[in-house]
Every structure is written in structure tokens, then in C-alpha cells.
Amino acid sequence: MEVGVDSFASAMYGTGNALSSVDAMAQLLERIEHADKVGLDVFGIGEHHKKEFLDSAPHVILAAAAAKTNRIRLTSAVTVLSASDPVRAYQNFATLDLISKGRAEMVVGRGSSVEAYPLFGFSLNDYDALFREKLDLLLNVRDNEFITWSGRFRAALDNQPVYPRALQEKLPIWLGVGGTPESFARAGTLGLPLMVAVIGGETHRFRPLVDIYREAGRRAGFTPDQLKVGLHSPGYVAATDEQAIADYYPGYAELWTKLGRERGWPPVTRPQFDSLVAPKGVLVVGGPQQVAEKLLRHSEALGGVDRFTFQMDNAGLTHAQLMSSIELIGTKVIPLLKKT
């Protein structure tokens, strides 16, 4: 199992502890550099267009990180493809691939935060149609130097070349999904690696959807080793289980209660949080041993997980806490996983 971190490039940490955007970005790059040094496999940057986040241009952040790192893979998490130009998205990540000497990847999706649609002139009424069409174009651009293509939402291309080309022969493109069966089936039919975002409830409940993905892939002629499954969930590692919960819970409750007011969810309670930290719950929060055991349990429940990424900067944690957590993942959690 590859293990990494996804960040939404939070602009501040904790109530009243505002951080300048310059400092927040510098600290994020320091965390990516640290993740590379301590042995994490991948670091992802999300895409939002809100005041709270600095990740509207993830490929730029990742390019800066590429210059500071040597081996860690660098990916979006996710690129909101429906509101992007697929040709430009490919060019951005092909350029990143050249800068990083073949370490770039993309995770593409429709986006659970929808502010990009009106910002770039798209209608939410076309939410799925936009994604289907743009994914088709992106894969065509990825696989072919010269493109002939037409669709509803973009000008047609007639034997048009797209440059630069990525260093990797086939730039890895993962399909980021939430809980829609059609999305899992689409990824399988196309033979794309799957990144499942599970942010609430119990992870094992996603097994039927992962089975849909694998069955669709099998029917389309792909072998099991071509059908990779990744899992993205909130998590945090501290020296002990008790310390991890003490660090993580206050900020988590504050953030998710705020999101709940925006999206119609009830406020976070401590019993609810405890159920999410429990063995089958989605939150991967604890000391190294508990976290490693939970990752293995999640992998078994989903029939095998090839990659896990922690979403850590969503609970008001300080830069020092995040740096320590990254170090524990690299020096403690990953070695424990490799022993199994």
C-alpha cells in the first residue's frame, strides 16, 4: 500500500490564529519536502476557489514542490475537470511531469465544492455531462499527440497537436469518486485507477461500490492488477492514541460543524466522533500502531487498497503538529504496514 497526504492548502489554522497566505504556502511546501524525506509515497493538492484555501492552482504548488523533492509522487486531489479545459489541464500536468522528472499524476473529478462552475461560466445543470465529455477529451489528449475531437462544451479539434508531452509514456490519471455507483462503473469501464473519498460513516460500506468498479473493469477486459483502488479519508497520527484524539477533535468538530451549517448537516458531537474513530469508522486518527491496523482493516474490507492518503489539514492543526504527524507516518506507520 502506498501512503501519502492530501492537502487543501488551508489559509489559516485554528480560531483566531490567522496565518498570512505567504507563510501558509511556505509551510505547506515545507511539509511536502518533509514528506519526501521521511518516505511518504505521494502528496496531493486539492482544488478550491474559496477564501479559506490557497489551492486554486494545484499544479503551480506541485511544481514548486517538485523543485524541493526527489522521489515523492505529486498529484492533484482532485482537479475539478468539469470546470477546466482538459487540454490546458493536460499541459499543466505534463509540464509538472517534466519538472519532477516523471513524478506527476492527476486525480480528476466533478468536485464536491461547486464554486468553480459559476466562476468559469458553467452550469450545474450540466454537472455530469460536462465531466463525461471532458474526461473523454483528457484521455484522448493523454494518449495521442495529435487530436481530432468534437463535443458540446468546447471547440472541436482537427488533427491538433498538444504540447508538451509528459515524460511518463502514460501520465497516471485517477478517477476521484464519492458515492455514485455510475462513477465507480465509469472508472472500471475505462480501466482508470479509482480514488475513493470516504469522509463519513464506516469505510466497509463502500465495498459494494468498489465491487461495481472491479466488475465493470473485468467486463471491459482489464486485469485485476490494472484496477487500482485508492482511499482518501481524514486522519492524523500522534505519538499515542490519546494524544491524537486530544489534538484532532477540537478543530475537527469546529470545522465540520461549520460545514454542516452550510450543507444541512447536524453539529458534530463527541459520541459521533468516537464512532468515527472506532475500528470500522472512517477517521484514521491515533498512534502509529492503531493507524496501521486501521489501514490494513480498511484494505481488507474493500478487497485491497493500493494507496491511502490522509487529509490532515482540516482540523485546525498547527504546522508543527502536521510535520510531526508526517514524520510518524513515514518512520512508524509505513514500516508497520511493510511488516505485514
Protein backbone atom coordinates (compact mmCIF):
# COMPACT_ATOMS: atom_id res chain seq x y z
CA MET A 1 0.00 0.00 0.00
CA GLU A 2 1.30 3.43 -0.97
CA VAL A 3 0.72 6.04 1.74
CA GLY A 4 0.56 9.80 1.38
CA VAL A 5 -1.11 13.06 2.32
CA ASP A 6 -3.66 15.25 0.57
CA SER A 7 -3.85 18.95 1.37
CA PHE A 8 -6.36 21.65 0.55
CA ALA A 9 -3.74 24.30 1.29
CA SER A 10 -5.64 25.80 4.23
CA ALA A 11 -5.07 29.51 4.56
CA MET A 12 -5.14 29.52 8.39
CA TYR A 13 -5.11 27.20 11.38
CA GLY A 14 -7.43 27.39 14.36
CA THR A 15 -9.82 30.06 15.53
CA GLY A 16 -8.09 33.39 15.88
CA ASN A 17 -4.74 32.04 14.66
CA ALA A 18 -4.72 33.63 11.23
CA LEU A 19 -1.65 32.94 9.12
CA SER A 20 -0.56 35.08 6.20
CA SER A 21 -1.03 33.43 2.82
CA VAL A 22 2.70 33.71 2.20
CA ASP A 23 3.52 31.89 5.43
CA ALA A 24 0.82 29.27 4.93
CA MET A 25 2.17 28.45 1.46
CA ALA A 26 5.75 28.30 2.71
CA GLN A 27 4.73 25.89 5.47
CA LEU A 28 2.82 23.70 3.02
CA LEU A 29 5.89 23.39 0.80
CA GLU A 30 7.96 22.56 3.88
CA ARG A 31 5.52 19.73 4.70
CA ILE A 32 5.75 18.31 1.20
CA GLU A 33 9.55 18.42 1.37
CA HIS A 34 9.43 16.70 4.78
CA ALA A 35 7.07 14.02 3.44
CA ASP A 36 9.58 13.27 0.70
CA LYS A 37 12.47 13.00 3.16
CA VAL A 38 10.70 10.64 5.59
CA GLY A 39 9.48 8.23 2.94
CA LEU A 40 5.87 9.02 2.06
CA ASP A 41 4.87 7.87 -1.42
CA VAL A 42 2.58 10.64 -2.63
CA PHE A 43 1.42 14.17 -1.84
CA GLY A 44 -1.76 15.61 -3.32
CA ILE A 45 -3.09 19.16 -3.58
CA GLY A 46 -6.82 19.76 -3.94
CA GLU A 47 -8.62 22.45 -5.93
CA HIS A 48 -10.94 25.02 -4.37
CA HIS A 49 -11.85 28.58 -5.19
CA LYS A 50 -12.68 29.85 -1.71
CA LYS A 51 -11.11 32.28 0.70
CA GLU A 52 -10.24 29.51 3.18
CA PHE A 53 -7.95 27.69 0.74
CA LEU A 54 -4.90 28.53 -1.37
CA ASP A 55 -5.19 25.63 -3.83
CA SER A 56 -6.94 27.18 -6.85
CA ALA A 57 -3.85 26.35 -8.96
CA PRO A 58 -2.61 22.99 -7.60
CA HIS A 59 -0.19 22.36 -10.46
CA VAL A 60 1.71 25.55 -9.53
CA ILE A 61 2.06 24.44 -5.91
CA LEU A 62 3.14 20.99 -7.03
CA ALA A 63 5.71 22.42 -9.43
CA ALA A 64 7.24 24.41 -6.58
CA ALA A 65 7.26 21.22 -4.52
CA ALA A 66 8.89 19.29 -7.37
CA ALA A 67 11.92 21.57 -7.15
CA LYS A 68 12.29 20.75 -3.44
CA THR A 69 11.75 16.97 -3.59
CA ASN A 70 13.37 13.92 -5.16
CA ARG A 71 11.13 10.85 -5.08
CA ILE A 72 7.62 11.55 -3.79
CA ARG A 73 4.85 11.44 -6.40
CA LEU A 74 2.92 14.70 -6.85
CA THR A 75 -0.77 14.72 -7.74
CA SER A 76 -3.92 16.80 -7.80
CA ALA A 77 -6.58 15.82 -5.27
CA VAL A 78 -8.78 16.50 -7.20
CA THR A 79 -8.71 18.54 -10.40
CA VAL A 80 -12.27 19.81 -10.97
CA LEU A 81 -12.26 18.63 -14.57
CA SER A 82 -15.84 19.65 -15.33
CA ALA A 83 -14.90 23.32 -14.92
CA SER A 84 -11.48 23.02 -16.58
CA ASP A 85 -10.19 22.91 -20.13
CA PRO A 86 -8.85 19.34 -20.50
CA VAL A 87 -6.18 20.40 -22.97
CA ARG A 88 -4.83 23.00 -20.58
CA ALA A 89 -5.12 20.61 -17.64
CA TYR A 90 -3.02 18.05 -19.50
CA GLN A 91 -0.43 20.68 -20.46
CA ASN A 92 -0.15 21.84 -16.85
CA PHE A 93 0.47 18.34 -15.52
CA ALA A 94 2.69 17.31 -18.44
CA THR A 95 4.84 20.34 -17.56
CA LEU A 96 4.83 19.25 -13.92
CA ASP A 97 5.89 15.79 -15.06
CA LEU A 98 8.90 17.26 -16.86
CA ILE A 99 9.86 19.43 -13.86
CA SER A 100 9.53 16.47 -11.46
CA LYS A 101 11.26 14.02 -13.84
CA GLY A 102 8.26 11.72 -14.14
CA ARG A 103 6.53 12.03 -10.76
CA ALA A 104 3.29 13.78 -11.76
CA GLU A 105 -0.21 12.32 -11.54
CA MET A 106 -3.77 13.62 -11.71
CA VAL A 107 -6.89 12.75 -9.77
CA VAL A 108 -9.86 14.15 -11.67
CA GLY A 109 -13.46 14.51 -10.57
CA ARG A 110 -16.60 16.63 -10.69
CA GLY A 111 -15.87 18.32 -7.38
CA SER A 112 -17.93 18.32 -4.19
CA SER A 113 -17.33 22.07 -3.83
CA VAL A 114 -19.11 23.61 -6.79
CA GLU A 115 -17.86 27.21 -6.74
CA ALA A 116 -15.70 26.56 -9.84
CA TYR A 117 -18.76 26.12 -12.07
CA PRO A 118 -20.17 29.69 -11.97
CA LEU A 119 -16.65 31.11 -11.69
CA PHE A 120 -15.67 29.67 -15.07
CA GLY A 121 -19.05 30.02 -16.74
CA PHE A 122 -20.50 26.52 -16.47
CA SER A 123 -23.95 25.41 -15.34
CA LEU A 124 -24.53 22.90 -12.56
CA ASN A 125 -27.36 21.58 -14.73
CA ASP A 126 -24.59 20.07 -16.87
CA TYR A 127 -22.73 18.64 -13.86
CA ASP A 128 -22.34 15.08 -15.18
CA ALA A 129 -22.44 15.80 -18.92
CA LEU A 130 -19.51 18.19 -18.56
CA PHE A 131 -17.45 15.60 -16.76
CA ARG A 132 -18.16 12.78 -19.22
CA GLU A 133 -17.19 14.90 -22.19
CA LYS A 134 -14.12 16.46 -20.64
CA LEU A 135 -12.81 13.16 -19.31
CA ASP A 136 -13.09 11.75 -22.83
CA LEU A 137 -11.05 14.66 -24.20
CA LEU A 138 -8.45 14.48 -21.42
CA LEU A 139 -7.84 10.79 -22.05
CA ASN A 140 -7.58 11.44 -25.79
CA VAL A 141 -5.01 14.19 -25.19
CA ARG A 142 -3.10 11.98 -22.75
CA ASP A 143 -2.92 9.09 -25.21
CA ASN A 144 -2.40 10.94 -28.52
CA GLU A 145 -0.10 13.72 -29.67
CA PHE A 146 -2.47 14.80 -32.45
CA ILE A 147 -6.17 15.17 -31.56
CA THR A 148 -9.30 15.11 -33.67
CA TRP A 149 -12.28 15.54 -31.38
CA SER A 150 -15.62 17.32 -31.03
CA GLY A 151 -18.14 17.83 -28.22
CA ARG A 152 -20.84 20.12 -26.82
CA PHE A 153 -18.90 22.27 -24.39
CA ARG A 154 -15.68 23.06 -26.21
CA ALA A 155 -14.49 23.99 -29.69
CA ALA A 156 -13.66 20.99 -31.87
CA LEU A 157 -10.08 19.93 -32.56
CA ASP A 158 -8.97 18.86 -36.05
CA ASN A 159 -5.67 16.98 -36.01
CA GLN A 160 -4.38 19.49 -33.49
CA PRO A 161 -1.10 18.68 -31.69
CA VAL A 162 -0.86 19.18 -27.91
CA TYR A 163 2.47 20.03 -26.27
CA PRO A 164 4.43 19.49 -24.15
CA ARG A 165 4.13 15.75 -23.78
CA ALA A 166 4.59 14.21 -20.35
CA LEU A 167 7.83 12.39 -19.55
CA GLN A 168 5.82 9.34 -18.49
CA GLU A 169 4.51 7.48 -21.51
CA LYS A 170 1.05 7.45 -19.95
CA LEU A 171 0.52 10.17 -17.36
CA PRO A 172 -1.39 8.47 -14.49
CA ILE A 173 -4.98 9.73 -14.28
CA TRP A 174 -7.07 8.53 -11.34
CA LEU A 175 -10.82 8.98 -11.19
CA GLY A 176 -11.91 10.60 -7.92
CA VAL A 177 -15.35 9.39 -6.77
CA GLY A 178 -17.73 9.88 -3.85
CA GLY A 179 -20.72 7.58 -3.55
CA THR A 180 -22.31 7.41 -7.01
CA PRO A 181 -22.44 3.87 -8.47
CA GLU A 182 -22.23 5.26 -12.01
CA SER A 183 -18.88 6.89 -11.21
CA PHE A 184 -17.43 3.60 -9.95
CA ALA A 185 -18.68 1.78 -13.05
CA ARG A 186 -17.26 4.51 -15.32
CA ALA A 187 -13.80 4.17 -13.79
CA GLY A 188 -13.86 0.40 -14.23
CA THR A 189 -15.07 0.54 -17.82
CA LEU A 190 -12.24 2.95 -18.68
CA GLY A 191 -9.66 0.97 -16.71
CA LEU A 192 -8.70 4.03 -14.66
CA PRO A 193 -7.35 3.76 -11.12
CA LEU A 194 -10.00 4.71 -8.58
CA MET A 195 -9.61 7.19 -5.71
CA VAL A 196 -12.49 6.87 -3.26
CA ALA A 197 -13.15 9.81 -0.94
CA VAL A 198 -14.72 8.46 2.26
CA ILE A 199 -15.20 11.26 4.78
CA GLY A 200 -18.01 9.93 6.98
CA GLY A 201 -19.59 6.74 8.28
CA GLU A 202 -17.92 3.35 8.05
CA THR A 203 -15.47 2.58 5.27
CA HIS A 204 -16.58 -1.03 4.71
CA ARG A 205 -19.94 0.24 3.43
CA PHE A 206 -18.18 1.22 0.20
CA ARG A 207 -17.31 -2.40 -0.65
CA PRO A 208 -20.36 -2.91 -2.95
CA LEU A 209 -19.35 0.18 -4.93
CA VAL A 210 -15.74 -0.97 -5.21
CA ASP A 211 -17.06 -4.34 -6.40
CA ILE A 212 -19.02 -2.50 -9.12
CA TYR A 213 -15.75 -0.88 -10.21
CA ARG A 214 -13.86 -4.16 -10.35
CA GLU A 215 -16.67 -5.98 -12.17
CA ALA A 216 -17.01 -3.18 -14.74
CA GLY A 217 -13.26 -3.31 -15.28
CA ARG A 218 -13.30 -7.08 -15.68
CA ARG A 219 -16.11 -6.87 -18.23
CA ALA A 220 -14.13 -4.24 -20.15
CA GLY A 221 -11.14 -6.59 -20.37
CA PHE A 222 -8.87 -5.13 -17.70
CA THR A 223 -6.87 -7.39 -15.39
CA PRO A 224 -7.11 -7.05 -11.58
CA ASP A 225 -3.64 -5.51 -11.34
CA GLN A 226 -4.74 -2.73 -13.71
CA LEU A 227 -7.69 -1.78 -11.48
CA LYS A 228 -6.06 0.08 -8.60
CA VAL A 229 -8.11 1.33 -5.64
CA GLY A 230 -7.09 4.33 -3.56
CA LEU A 231 -8.75 5.61 -0.40
CA HIS A 232 -8.77 9.23 0.80
CA SER A 233 -10.01 9.92 4.33
CA PRO A 234 -9.46 12.39 7.17
CA GLY A 235 -6.72 11.27 9.53
CA TYR A 236 -3.90 12.23 11.85
CA VAL A 237 -1.10 10.40 13.66
CA ALA A 238 0.37 11.39 17.03
CA ALA A 239 2.68 9.57 19.45
CA THR A 240 -0.27 7.96 21.27
CA ASP A 241 -3.94 7.32 20.57
CA GLU A 242 -4.94 9.68 23.38
CA GLN A 243 -2.73 12.50 22.14
CA ALA A 244 -4.02 12.13 18.58
CA ILE A 245 -7.63 12.49 19.69
CA ALA A 246 -6.83 15.41 22.01
CA ASP A 247 -5.07 17.23 19.17
CA TYR A 248 -7.58 16.41 16.44
CA TYR A 249 -11.06 16.54 17.94
CA PRO A 250 -11.48 20.27 18.78
CA GLY A 251 -10.60 21.52 15.30
CA TYR A 252 -12.44 18.68 13.58
CA ALA A 253 -15.64 19.42 15.50
CA GLU A 254 -15.38 23.13 14.76
CA LEU A 255 -14.76 22.70 11.03
CA TRP A 256 -17.38 20.03 10.37
CA THR A 257 -19.99 21.86 12.41
CA LYS A 258 -19.33 24.94 10.28
CA LEU A 259 -19.63 22.88 7.08
CA GLY A 260 -22.79 21.34 8.45
CA ARG A 261 -24.41 24.76 8.75
CA GLU A 262 -23.61 25.34 5.06
CA ARG A 263 -24.73 21.92 3.82
CA GLY A 264 -27.52 20.97 6.20
CA TRP A 265 -25.66 18.50 8.45
CA PRO A 266 -26.19 18.33 12.23
CA PRO A 267 -23.43 19.62 14.54
CA VAL A 268 -20.59 17.24 15.42
CA THR A 269 -20.90 15.56 18.83
CA ARG A 270 -18.23 13.71 20.80
CA PRO A 271 -20.11 10.36 20.65
CA GLN A 272 -20.37 10.75 16.89
CA PHE A 273 -16.65 11.49 16.66
CA ASP A 274 -15.83 8.47 18.83
CA SER A 275 -17.84 6.25 16.48
CA LEU A 276 -15.80 7.54 13.54
CA VAL A 277 -12.52 6.81 15.34
CA ALA A 278 -13.75 3.30 16.28
CA PRO A 279 -12.29 0.30 14.39
CA LYS A 280 -14.75 0.46 11.46
CA GLY A 281 -15.13 4.26 11.41
CA VAL A 282 -13.71 6.43 8.68
CA LEU A 283 -11.36 8.61 10.74
CA VAL A 284 -7.79 7.27 10.72
CA VAL A 285 -6.76 9.02 13.92
CA GLY A 286 -4.46 7.53 16.56
CA GLY A 287 -0.96 6.40 17.40
CA PRO A 288 1.12 4.60 14.75
CA GLN A 289 0.06 1.07 15.76
CA GLN A 290 -3.66 1.87 15.79
CA VAL A 291 -3.43 3.74 12.48
CA ALA A 292 -1.51 0.93 10.76
CA GLU A 293 -4.04 -1.63 12.00
CA LYS A 294 -6.91 0.51 10.76
CA LEU A 295 -5.39 0.94 7.30
CA LEU A 296 -4.99 -2.82 6.99
CA ARG A 297 -8.56 -3.30 8.21
CA HIS A 298 -9.87 -0.82 5.63
CA SER A 299 -7.86 -2.53 2.89
CA GLU A 300 -9.28 -5.94 3.79
CA ALA A 301 -12.82 -4.54 3.96
CA LEU A 302 -12.55 -3.10 0.44
CA GLY A 303 -10.87 -6.12 -1.09
CA GLY A 304 -7.46 -4.47 -1.25
CA VAL A 305 -6.35 -0.83 -1.19
CA ASP A 306 -3.34 0.19 -3.28
CA ARG A 307 -3.00 3.75 -1.95
CA PHE A 308 -4.17 5.63 1.13
CA THR A 309 -3.97 9.40 1.53
CA PHE A 310 -4.54 11.28 4.79
CA GLN A 311 -6.48 14.53 4.66
CA MET A 312 -4.83 16.18 7.65
CA ASP A 313 -5.01 19.96 7.40
CA ASN A 314 -8.74 20.10 8.08
CA ALA A 315 -8.82 20.16 11.88
CA GLY A 316 -7.07 23.33 12.94
CA LEU A 317 -3.77 21.53 13.48
CA THR A 318 -0.60 23.59 13.66
CA HIS A 319 2.28 23.29 11.24
CA ALA A 320 4.38 21.65 13.96
CA GLN A 321 1.66 19.05 14.62
CA LEU A 322 1.32 18.31 10.90
CA MET A 323 5.09 17.97 10.49
CA SER A 324 5.23 15.56 13.43
CA SER A 325 2.35 13.53 12.02
CA ILE A 326 4.03 13.27 8.61
CA GLU A 327 7.23 12.08 10.30
CA LEU A 328 5.35 9.42 12.27
CA ILE A 329 3.64 8.20 9.11
CA GLY A 330 6.99 7.86 7.35
CA THR A 331 9.04 6.42 10.21
CA LYS A 332 6.44 4.36 12.09
CA VAL A 333 3.22 3.68 10.15
CA ILE A 334 4.74 2.75 6.78
CA PRO A 335 7.30 0.34 8.34
CA LEU A 336 4.46 -1.32 10.28
CA LEU A 337 2.49 -1.77 7.05
CA LYS A 338 5.52 -3.26 5.30
CA LYS A 339 5.90 -5.88 8.03
CA THR A 340 2.54 -7.47 7.12
